[in-house]
């Protein structure tokens, strides 16, 4: 069962964040025809995200092993959590897109701004997890709430690893210039 969950989690991660590879490409000259393409990409990203949320809910349903009474308490809390997480993830993806757009001209100030936003995202996500855990603990009990937190944390770590492994490290502008000469 655990191996199946991990395999599904990796699949979801790959499906969820393949579009981020597109955002890492160096910015090209923007032409009016690219606006339609950008809109199509954004719609594609949203479709994948919605599919991932559905798959994630299915994994949670299988792992949580909720009876009818607990399910009636769990899912409304989870759905609210998931909606709030989706909003937070929008902040994260916007920050990644900003990083991609400024990668070739990264200044100290911009690097600092991007990292502060990334840290703020992590804090807000942790606060959201605590809030959800507290609500679940009060409605389905500490064991079920802890099980949710364990599974959710595992899935988030897989997603975080996938994103981090696809983002290039920040470089000093002199390092970027030397790389262009080679």
N, C-alpha and C. Protein backbone atom coordinates (compact mmCIF):
# COMPACT_ATOMS: atom_id res chain seq x y z
N UNK A 1 0.84 -1.20 0.00
CA UNK A 1 0.00 0.00 0.00
C UNK A 1 0.88 1.25 0.00
N UNK A 2 1.93 1.26 0.85
CA UNK A 2 2.79 2.43 0.94
C UNK A 2 3.50 2.67 -0.39
N UNK A 3 3.99 1.60 -1.01
CA UNK A 3 4.68 1.74 -2.29
C UNK A 3 3.74 2.33 -3.34
N UNK A 4 2.47 1.90 -3.31
CA UNK A 4 1.47 2.42 -4.24
C UNK A 4 1.26 3.91 -4.02
N UNK A 5 1.18 4.32 -2.76
CA UNK A 5 0.97 5.73 -2.44
C UNK A 5 2.15 6.56 -2.92
N UNK A 6 3.37 6.08 -2.70
CA UNK A 6 4.55 6.81 -3.13
C UNK A 6 4.58 6.93 -4.65
N UNK A 7 4.28 5.82 -5.34
CA UNK A 7 4.26 5.84 -6.80
C UNK A 7 3.22 6.83 -7.32
N UNK A 8 2.04 6.78 -6.75
CA UNK A 8 0.99 7.72 -7.17
C UNK A 8 1.43 9.15 -6.85
N UNK A 9 2.06 9.35 -5.69
CA UNK A 9 2.52 10.69 -5.32
C UNK A 9 3.54 11.24 -6.29
N UNK A 10 4.47 10.40 -6.71
CA UNK A 10 5.47 10.84 -7.68
C UNK A 10 4.81 11.17 -9.01
N UNK A 11 3.87 10.33 -9.43
CA UNK A 11 3.14 10.59 -10.66
C UNK A 11 2.42 11.94 -10.59
N UNK A 12 1.73 12.17 -9.47
CA UNK A 12 1.01 13.43 -9.31
C UNK A 12 1.95 14.62 -9.36
N UNK A 13 3.09 14.47 -8.73
CA UNK A 13 4.07 15.55 -8.70
C UNK A 13 4.54 15.88 -10.10
N UNK A 14 4.87 14.85 -10.85
CA UNK A 14 5.34 15.07 -12.22
C UNK A 14 4.25 15.74 -13.04
N UNK A 15 3.02 15.25 -12.92
CA UNK A 15 1.91 15.83 -13.68
C UNK A 15 1.62 17.26 -13.24
N UNK A 16 1.74 17.50 -11.94
CA UNK A 16 1.39 18.82 -11.43
C UNK A 16 2.40 19.89 -11.81
N UNK A 17 3.66 19.52 -11.92
CA UNK A 17 4.67 20.55 -12.07
C UNK A 17 5.47 20.48 -13.35
N UNK A 18 5.04 19.67 -14.31
CA UNK A 18 5.64 19.72 -15.64
C UNK A 18 5.56 21.13 -16.22
N UNK A 19 4.44 21.85 -16.02
CA UNK A 19 4.35 23.20 -16.57
C UNK A 19 5.42 24.15 -16.02
N UNK A 20 5.97 23.85 -14.82
CA UNK A 20 7.00 24.74 -14.29
C UNK A 20 8.26 24.67 -15.13
N UNK A 21 8.48 23.57 -15.80
CA UNK A 21 9.63 23.49 -16.70
C UNK A 21 9.49 24.52 -17.80
N UNK A 22 8.27 24.74 -18.26
CA UNK A 22 8.04 25.77 -19.27
C UNK A 22 8.39 27.15 -18.73
N UNK A 23 8.09 27.38 -17.46
CA UNK A 23 8.33 28.70 -16.90
C UNK A 23 9.81 28.97 -16.66
N UNK A 24 10.64 27.92 -16.71
CA UNK A 24 12.07 28.12 -16.46
C UNK A 24 12.82 28.55 -17.71
N UNK A 25 12.19 28.42 -18.86
CA UNK A 25 12.87 28.80 -20.07
C UNK A 25 13.16 30.30 -20.04
N UNK A 26 14.25 30.65 -20.69
CA UNK A 26 14.60 32.07 -20.74
C UNK A 26 13.51 32.83 -21.47
N UNK A 27 13.17 34.01 -20.96
CA UNK A 27 12.13 34.79 -21.61
C UNK A 27 12.52 35.13 -23.04
N UNK A 28 11.54 35.05 -23.93
CA UNK A 28 11.76 35.40 -25.32
C UNK A 28 11.03 36.69 -25.62
N UNK A 29 11.31 37.24 -26.78
CA UNK A 29 10.60 38.45 -27.18
C UNK A 29 9.11 38.14 -27.19
N UNK A 30 8.33 38.98 -26.53
CA UNK A 30 6.89 38.77 -26.45
C UNK A 30 6.23 39.42 -27.65
N UNK A 31 5.49 38.62 -28.41
CA UNK A 31 4.76 39.12 -29.56
C UNK A 31 3.28 39.00 -29.24
N UNK A 32 2.42 39.76 -29.90
CA UNK A 32 0.99 39.66 -29.63
C UNK A 32 0.46 38.23 -29.75
N UNK A 33 0.98 37.42 -30.68
CA UNK A 33 0.50 36.05 -30.85
C UNK A 33 0.87 35.17 -29.65
N UNK A 34 1.88 35.56 -28.89
CA UNK A 34 2.28 34.80 -27.71
C UNK A 34 1.28 34.94 -26.58
N UNK A 35 0.47 36.00 -26.59
CA UNK A 35 -0.52 36.18 -25.53
C UNK A 35 -1.52 35.02 -25.52
N UNK A 36 -1.96 34.61 -26.68
CA UNK A 36 -2.89 33.48 -26.77
C UNK A 36 -2.21 32.20 -26.30
N UNK A 37 -0.95 32.04 -26.66
CA UNK A 37 -0.20 30.85 -26.24
C UNK A 37 -0.03 30.86 -24.71
N UNK A 38 0.29 32.01 -24.13
CA UNK A 38 0.44 32.12 -22.69
C UNK A 38 -0.87 31.80 -21.98
N UNK A 39 -1.98 32.27 -22.54
CA UNK A 39 -3.29 31.98 -21.95
C UNK A 39 -3.57 30.48 -22.02
N UNK A 40 -3.23 29.84 -23.14
CA UNK A 40 -3.42 28.40 -23.26
C UNK A 40 -2.58 27.65 -22.24
N UNK A 41 -1.36 28.08 -22.03
CA UNK A 41 -0.49 27.44 -21.05
C UNK A 41 -1.08 27.59 -19.65
N UNK A 42 -1.57 28.79 -19.32
CA UNK A 42 -2.17 29.01 -18.01
C UNK A 42 -3.40 28.12 -17.82
N UNK A 43 -4.22 27.98 -18.85
CA UNK A 43 -5.39 27.11 -18.76
C UNK A 43 -4.97 25.65 -18.59
N UNK A 44 -3.92 25.24 -19.27
CA UNK A 44 -3.39 23.89 -19.14
C UNK A 44 -2.89 23.65 -17.72
N UNK A 45 -2.18 24.61 -17.16
CA UNK A 45 -1.69 24.49 -15.78
C UNK A 45 -2.86 24.34 -14.83
N UNK A 46 -3.89 25.15 -15.01
CA UNK A 46 -5.06 25.06 -14.13
C UNK A 46 -5.76 23.70 -14.25
N UNK A 47 -5.84 23.17 -15.45
CA UNK A 47 -6.44 21.85 -15.65
C UNK A 47 -5.63 20.78 -14.92
N UNK A 48 -4.34 20.82 -15.05
CA UNK A 48 -3.49 19.84 -14.38
C UNK A 48 -3.62 19.98 -12.87
N UNK A 49 -3.63 21.22 -12.37
CA UNK A 49 -3.78 21.42 -10.93
C UNK A 49 -5.10 20.84 -10.42
N UNK A 50 -6.17 21.05 -11.16
CA UNK A 50 -7.45 20.52 -10.71
C UNK A 50 -7.44 19.00 -10.72
N UNK A 51 -6.79 18.39 -11.71
CA UNK A 51 -6.66 16.94 -11.74
C UNK A 51 -5.82 16.43 -10.57
N UNK A 52 -4.77 17.14 -10.25
CA UNK A 52 -3.91 16.75 -9.13
C UNK A 52 -4.69 16.82 -7.83
N UNK A 53 -5.48 17.88 -7.64
CA UNK A 53 -6.27 18.00 -6.41
C UNK A 53 -7.24 16.83 -6.28
N UNK A 54 -7.82 16.42 -7.40
CA UNK A 54 -8.75 15.30 -7.38
C UNK A 54 -8.00 14.01 -7.04
N UNK A 55 -6.86 13.77 -7.66
CA UNK A 55 -6.07 12.57 -7.39
C UNK A 55 -5.59 12.55 -5.94
N UNK A 56 -5.18 13.69 -5.46
CA UNK A 56 -4.71 13.80 -4.08
C UNK A 56 -5.83 13.46 -3.12
N UNK A 57 -7.02 13.93 -3.39
CA UNK A 57 -8.18 13.61 -2.55
C UNK A 57 -8.47 12.11 -2.58
N UNK A 58 -8.29 11.48 -3.73
CA UNK A 58 -8.50 10.04 -3.82
C UNK A 58 -7.46 9.28 -2.99
N UNK A 59 -6.23 9.73 -3.02
CA UNK A 59 -5.19 9.10 -2.20
C UNK A 59 -5.54 9.25 -0.72
N UNK A 60 -5.91 10.46 -0.34
CA UNK A 60 -6.27 10.70 1.06
C UNK A 60 -7.45 9.83 1.48
N UNK A 61 -8.43 9.70 0.61
CA UNK A 61 -9.58 8.87 0.91
C UNK A 61 -9.19 7.43 1.17
N UNK A 62 -8.26 6.92 0.36
CA UNK A 62 -7.81 5.54 0.53
C UNK A 62 -6.98 5.37 1.80
N UNK A 63 -6.11 6.31 2.07
CA UNK A 63 -5.21 6.19 3.22
C UNK A 63 -5.92 6.48 4.54
N UNK A 64 -6.82 7.44 4.53
CA UNK A 64 -7.47 7.84 5.78
C UNK A 64 -8.40 6.76 6.33
N UNK A 65 -8.99 5.95 5.49
CA UNK A 65 -9.88 4.86 5.92
C UNK A 65 -10.96 5.38 6.87
N UNK A 66 -11.68 6.37 6.40
CA UNK A 66 -12.72 7.02 7.21
C UNK A 66 -14.02 6.26 7.15
N UNK A 67 -14.69 6.14 8.30
CA UNK A 67 -16.05 5.61 8.27
C UNK A 67 -16.97 6.76 7.84
N UNK A 68 -18.24 6.46 7.67
CA UNK A 68 -19.17 7.47 7.14
C UNK A 68 -19.25 8.70 8.03
N UNK A 69 -19.28 8.50 9.34
CA UNK A 69 -19.39 9.63 10.27
C UNK A 69 -18.14 10.51 10.20
N UNK A 70 -16.96 9.89 10.20
CA UNK A 70 -15.71 10.66 10.13
C UNK A 70 -15.57 11.34 8.77
N UNK A 71 -15.98 10.66 7.70
CA UNK A 71 -15.90 11.25 6.36
C UNK A 71 -16.75 12.51 6.27
N UNK A 72 -17.92 12.47 6.91
CA UNK A 72 -18.80 13.64 6.89
C UNK A 72 -18.16 14.82 7.61
N UNK A 73 -17.31 14.55 8.58
CA UNK A 73 -16.60 15.61 9.31
C UNK A 73 -15.32 16.03 8.58
N UNK A 74 -14.61 15.04 8.02
CA UNK A 74 -13.29 15.28 7.43
C UNK A 74 -13.35 16.09 6.14
N UNK A 75 -14.18 15.67 5.17
CA UNK A 75 -14.12 16.24 3.83
C UNK A 75 -14.44 17.73 3.76
N UNK A 76 -15.41 18.24 4.50
CA UNK A 76 -15.61 19.70 4.43
C UNK A 76 -14.39 20.49 4.94
N UNK A 77 -13.75 19.97 5.98
CA UNK A 77 -12.55 20.63 6.51
C UNK A 77 -11.42 20.53 5.49
N UNK A 78 -11.24 19.35 4.93
CA UNK A 78 -10.19 19.16 3.93
C UNK A 78 -10.42 20.05 2.71
N UNK A 79 -11.66 20.11 2.24
CA UNK A 79 -11.96 20.92 1.05
C UNK A 79 -11.66 22.40 1.28
N UNK A 80 -11.95 22.88 2.48
CA UNK A 80 -11.62 24.27 2.81
C UNK A 80 -10.10 24.45 2.84
N UNK A 81 -9.41 23.51 3.46
CA UNK A 81 -7.94 23.54 3.50
C UNK A 81 -7.37 23.55 2.08
N UNK A 82 -7.89 22.66 1.23
CA UNK A 82 -7.39 22.54 -0.14
C UNK A 82 -7.60 23.83 -0.92
N UNK A 83 -8.73 24.48 -0.72
CA UNK A 83 -9.00 25.76 -1.41
C UNK A 83 -8.01 26.83 -0.95
N UNK A 84 -7.73 26.87 0.35
CA UNK A 84 -6.77 27.84 0.87
C UNK A 84 -5.35 27.51 0.39
N UNK A 85 -5.03 26.22 0.31
CA UNK A 85 -3.72 25.81 -0.19
C UNK A 85 -3.56 26.19 -1.65
N UNK A 86 -4.61 26.06 -2.43
CA UNK A 86 -4.55 26.44 -3.85
C UNK A 86 -4.22 27.92 -3.99
N UNK A 87 -4.80 28.75 -3.13
CA UNK A 87 -4.48 30.19 -3.16
C UNK A 87 -3.01 30.42 -2.81
N UNK A 88 -2.52 29.72 -1.80
CA UNK A 88 -1.11 29.85 -1.43
C UNK A 88 -0.21 29.38 -2.57
N UNK A 89 -0.58 28.28 -3.20
CA UNK A 89 0.24 27.76 -4.29
C UNK A 89 0.30 28.72 -5.47
N UNK A 90 -0.73 29.52 -5.63
CA UNK A 90 -0.71 30.56 -6.67
C UNK A 90 0.39 31.58 -6.35
N UNK A 91 0.53 31.93 -5.07
CA UNK A 91 1.62 32.84 -4.67
C UNK A 91 2.97 32.22 -5.00
N UNK A 92 3.09 30.93 -4.73
CA UNK A 92 4.35 30.23 -5.00
C UNK A 92 4.64 30.20 -6.49
N UNK A 93 3.66 29.84 -7.29
CA UNK A 93 3.90 29.77 -8.74
C UNK A 93 4.20 31.15 -9.31
N UNK A 94 3.54 32.18 -8.81
CA UNK A 94 3.86 33.55 -9.25
C UNK A 94 5.30 33.91 -8.92
N UNK A 95 5.76 33.49 -7.75
CA UNK A 95 7.14 33.76 -7.35
C UNK A 95 8.12 33.01 -8.25
N UNK A 96 7.79 31.78 -8.60
CA UNK A 96 8.65 31.00 -9.49
C UNK A 96 8.69 31.64 -10.88
N UNK A 97 7.54 32.08 -11.36
CA UNK A 97 7.50 32.75 -12.66
C UNK A 97 8.32 34.05 -12.63
N UNK A 98 8.25 34.77 -11.52
CA UNK A 98 9.04 36.00 -11.36
C UNK A 98 10.53 35.65 -11.39
N UNK A 99 10.91 34.58 -10.72
CA UNK A 99 12.30 34.12 -10.72
C UNK A 99 12.75 33.79 -12.14
N UNK A 100 11.91 33.06 -12.87
CA UNK A 100 12.26 32.69 -14.24
C UNK A 100 12.42 33.93 -15.11
N UNK A 101 11.55 34.90 -14.91
CA UNK A 101 11.59 36.12 -15.73
C UNK A 101 12.82 36.98 -15.44
N UNK A 102 13.33 36.89 -14.22
CA UNK A 102 14.46 37.75 -13.83
C UNK A 102 15.76 36.98 -13.67
N UNK A 103 15.76 35.70 -14.01
CA UNK A 103 16.93 34.84 -13.79
C UNK A 103 18.20 35.40 -14.43
N UNK A 104 18.09 35.87 -15.66
CA UNK A 104 19.27 36.36 -16.38
C UNK A 104 19.75 37.73 -15.93
N UNK A 105 18.93 38.42 -15.15
CA UNK A 105 19.32 39.76 -14.71
C UNK A 105 19.11 39.91 -13.20
N UNK A 106 19.33 38.84 -12.48
CA UNK A 106 19.07 38.79 -11.04
C UNK A 106 19.99 39.73 -10.27
N UNK A 107 19.40 40.60 -9.49
CA UNK A 107 20.16 41.51 -8.64
C UNK A 107 20.09 40.98 -7.20
N UNK A 108 20.93 41.52 -6.34
CA UNK A 108 20.89 41.14 -4.93
C UNK A 108 19.52 41.45 -4.33
N UNK A 109 18.99 42.61 -4.67
CA UNK A 109 17.69 43.00 -4.13
C UNK A 109 16.59 42.05 -4.60
N UNK A 110 16.62 41.67 -5.87
CA UNK A 110 15.60 40.76 -6.40
C UNK A 110 15.73 39.37 -5.77
N UNK A 111 16.95 38.90 -5.62
CA UNK A 111 17.17 37.59 -4.98
C UNK A 111 16.63 37.61 -3.56
N UNK A 112 16.88 38.68 -2.85
CA UNK A 112 16.39 38.82 -1.48
C UNK A 112 14.86 38.84 -1.46
N UNK A 113 14.26 39.59 -2.38
CA UNK A 113 12.80 39.67 -2.46
C UNK A 113 12.20 38.29 -2.74
N UNK A 114 12.77 37.57 -3.70
CA UNK A 114 12.26 36.24 -4.05
C UNK A 114 12.35 35.27 -2.88
N UNK A 115 13.47 35.31 -2.16
CA UNK A 115 13.64 34.40 -1.02
C UNK A 115 12.71 34.76 0.13
N UNK A 116 12.50 36.04 0.36
CA UNK A 116 11.56 36.45 1.41
C UNK A 116 10.15 35.97 1.08
N UNK A 117 9.78 36.05 -0.19
CA UNK A 117 8.46 35.55 -0.61
C UNK A 117 8.38 34.03 -0.44
N UNK A 118 9.45 33.32 -0.76
CA UNK A 118 9.46 31.86 -0.62
C UNK A 118 9.35 31.47 0.85
N UNK A 119 10.05 32.17 1.71
CA UNK A 119 9.99 31.89 3.15
C UNK A 119 8.59 32.21 3.69
N UNK A 120 8.03 33.32 3.24
CA UNK A 120 6.68 33.69 3.66
C UNK A 120 5.67 32.63 3.23
N UNK A 121 5.84 32.12 2.02
CA UNK A 121 4.95 31.04 1.54
C UNK A 121 5.04 29.83 2.47
N UNK A 122 6.26 29.42 2.83
CA UNK A 122 6.44 28.27 3.72
C UNK A 122 5.78 28.50 5.08
N UNK A 123 5.94 29.71 5.61
CA UNK A 123 5.30 30.03 6.90
C UNK A 123 3.79 29.95 6.80
N UNK A 124 3.24 30.53 5.74
CA UNK A 124 1.79 30.51 5.56
C UNK A 124 1.28 29.08 5.36
N UNK A 125 2.04 28.26 4.65
CA UNK A 125 1.62 26.87 4.44
C UNK A 125 1.66 26.10 5.76
N UNK A 126 2.68 26.32 6.55
CA UNK A 126 2.76 25.66 7.87
C UNK A 126 1.61 26.11 8.75
N UNK A 127 1.32 27.40 8.76
CA UNK A 127 0.19 27.91 9.54
C UNK A 127 -1.12 27.27 9.08
N UNK A 128 -1.27 27.10 7.78
CA UNK A 128 -2.48 26.47 7.24
C UNK A 128 -2.58 25.01 7.68
N UNK A 129 -1.47 24.29 7.66
CA UNK A 129 -1.47 22.90 8.12
C UNK A 129 -1.85 22.81 9.60
N UNK A 130 -1.31 23.70 10.41
CA UNK A 130 -1.64 23.71 11.84
C UNK A 130 -3.13 23.99 12.04
N UNK A 131 -3.64 24.96 11.31
CA UNK A 131 -5.06 25.29 11.39
C UNK A 131 -5.93 24.10 11.01
N UNK A 132 -5.58 23.42 9.94
CA UNK A 132 -6.34 22.26 9.49
C UNK A 132 -6.23 21.12 10.51
N UNK A 133 -5.03 20.88 11.01
CA UNK A 133 -4.84 19.84 12.03
C UNK A 133 -5.71 20.11 13.25
N UNK A 134 -5.69 21.34 13.73
CA UNK A 134 -6.50 21.69 14.91
C UNK A 134 -7.99 21.45 14.66
N UNK A 135 -8.46 21.85 13.50
CA UNK A 135 -9.88 21.63 13.18
C UNK A 135 -10.20 20.15 13.08
N UNK A 136 -9.33 19.39 12.42
CA UNK A 136 -9.57 17.94 12.29
C UNK A 136 -9.48 17.24 13.64
N UNK A 137 -8.53 17.65 14.45
CA UNK A 137 -8.37 17.04 15.78
C UNK A 137 -9.66 17.19 16.58
N UNK A 138 -10.30 18.33 16.45
CA UNK A 138 -11.54 18.57 17.18
C UNK A 138 -12.74 17.84 16.61
N UNK A 139 -12.68 17.45 15.34
CA UNK A 139 -13.85 16.81 14.74
C UNK A 139 -13.69 15.31 14.53
N UNK A 140 -12.52 14.84 14.11
CA UNK A 140 -12.34 13.40 13.87
C UNK A 140 -11.36 12.76 14.85
N UNK A 141 -10.78 13.57 15.74
CA UNK A 141 -9.89 13.03 16.75
C UNK A 141 -8.42 13.18 16.39
N UNK A 142 -7.57 13.13 17.40
CA UNK A 142 -6.13 13.33 17.20
C UNK A 142 -5.47 12.31 16.28
N UNK A 143 -5.87 11.04 16.35
CA UNK A 143 -5.22 10.03 15.52
C UNK A 143 -5.51 10.27 14.04
N UNK A 144 -6.76 10.50 13.71
CA UNK A 144 -7.11 10.76 12.31
C UNK A 144 -6.48 12.06 11.83
N UNK A 145 -6.47 13.06 12.68
CA UNK A 145 -5.86 14.35 12.32
C UNK A 145 -4.36 14.17 12.08
N UNK A 146 -3.72 13.36 12.94
CA UNK A 146 -2.29 13.11 12.77
C UNK A 146 -2.02 12.32 11.49
N UNK A 147 -2.89 11.36 11.19
CA UNK A 147 -2.73 10.58 9.96
C UNK A 147 -2.82 11.51 8.75
N UNK A 148 -3.80 12.40 8.76
CA UNK A 148 -3.91 13.36 7.67
C UNK A 148 -2.63 14.18 7.54
N UNK A 149 -2.15 14.69 8.66
CA UNK A 149 -0.96 15.55 8.64
C UNK A 149 0.24 14.78 8.10
N UNK A 150 0.38 13.51 8.49
CA UNK A 150 1.50 12.71 7.99
C UNK A 150 1.42 12.54 6.47
N UNK A 151 0.27 12.15 5.98
CA UNK A 151 0.11 11.91 4.54
C UNK A 151 0.26 13.21 3.76
N UNK A 152 -0.39 14.25 4.24
CA UNK A 152 -0.31 15.55 3.55
C UNK A 152 1.12 16.05 3.53
N UNK A 153 1.82 15.91 4.63
CA UNK A 153 3.21 16.35 4.69
C UNK A 153 4.08 15.55 3.71
N UNK A 154 3.85 14.24 3.61
CA UNK A 154 4.61 13.43 2.66
C UNK A 154 4.36 13.89 1.22
N UNK A 155 3.11 14.14 0.90
CA UNK A 155 2.79 14.59 -0.45
C UNK A 155 3.39 15.97 -0.73
N UNK A 156 3.32 16.87 0.24
CA UNK A 156 3.90 18.20 0.05
C UNK A 156 5.42 18.13 -0.10
N UNK A 157 6.07 17.24 0.65
CA UNK A 157 7.52 17.09 0.52
C UNK A 157 7.90 16.57 -0.86
N UNK A 158 7.13 15.64 -1.40
CA UNK A 158 7.40 15.13 -2.74
C UNK A 158 7.26 16.25 -3.76
N UNK A 159 6.22 17.03 -3.62
CA UNK A 159 6.00 18.16 -4.53
C UNK A 159 7.13 19.18 -4.40
N UNK A 160 7.50 19.50 -3.15
CA UNK A 160 8.59 20.45 -2.93
C UNK A 160 9.89 19.97 -3.56
N UNK A 161 10.19 18.69 -3.41
CA UNK A 161 11.41 18.14 -3.98
C UNK A 161 11.39 18.23 -5.51
N UNK A 162 10.26 17.92 -6.09
CA UNK A 162 10.14 18.00 -7.54
C UNK A 162 10.35 19.43 -8.03
N UNK A 163 9.74 20.37 -7.37
CA UNK A 163 9.90 21.78 -7.77
C UNK A 163 11.35 22.21 -7.60
N UNK A 164 11.91 21.94 -6.44
CA UNK A 164 13.28 22.37 -6.15
C UNK A 164 14.28 21.76 -7.13
N UNK A 165 14.07 20.51 -7.49
CA UNK A 165 15.02 19.85 -8.39
C UNK A 165 14.93 20.38 -9.81
N UNK A 166 13.85 21.09 -10.14
CA UNK A 166 13.70 21.64 -11.48
C UNK A 166 14.06 23.12 -11.58
N UNK A 167 14.33 23.74 -10.46
CA UNK A 167 14.70 25.16 -10.49
C UNK A 167 16.21 25.30 -10.48
N UNK A 168 16.74 26.12 -11.37
CA UNK A 168 18.19 26.35 -11.34
C UNK A 168 18.58 27.18 -10.12
N UNK A 169 19.78 26.93 -9.62
CA UNK A 169 20.28 27.72 -8.50
C UNK A 169 20.55 29.15 -8.95
N UNK A 170 20.41 30.06 -8.02
CA UNK A 170 20.71 31.46 -8.32
C UNK A 170 22.21 31.60 -8.52
N UNK A 171 22.57 32.44 -9.47
CA UNK A 171 23.98 32.68 -9.76
C UNK A 171 24.25 34.18 -9.79
N UNK A 172 25.46 34.51 -9.46
CA UNK A 172 25.90 35.89 -9.59
C UNK A 172 25.90 36.26 -11.06
N UNK A 173 25.67 37.52 -11.37
CA UNK A 173 25.64 37.94 -12.76
C UNK A 173 26.96 37.67 -13.46
N UNK A 174 28.09 37.77 -12.75
CA UNK A 174 29.39 37.49 -13.37
C UNK A 174 29.47 36.02 -13.76
N UNK A 175 28.87 35.11 -12.96
CA UNK A 175 28.87 33.68 -13.30
C UNK A 175 28.02 33.44 -14.54
N UNK A 176 26.90 34.15 -14.64
CA UNK A 176 26.05 34.01 -15.83
C UNK A 176 26.78 34.49 -17.08
N UNK A 177 27.48 35.61 -16.95
CA UNK A 177 28.22 36.16 -18.10
C UNK A 177 29.31 35.19 -18.55
N UNK A 178 30.03 34.59 -17.59
CA UNK A 178 31.07 33.62 -17.94
C UNK A 178 30.48 32.40 -18.62
N UNK A 179 29.30 32.00 -18.18
CA UNK A 179 28.63 30.85 -18.80
C UNK A 179 28.25 31.12 -20.24
N UNK A 180 27.91 32.36 -20.55
CA UNK A 180 27.55 32.75 -21.91
C UNK A 180 28.76 32.72 -22.83
N UNK A 181 29.97 32.96 -22.28
CA UNK A 181 31.20 33.00 -23.09
C UNK A 181 31.62 31.61 -23.52
N UNK A 182 31.24 30.60 -22.72
CA UNK A 182 31.69 29.23 -23.00
C UNK A 182 30.94 28.61 -24.13
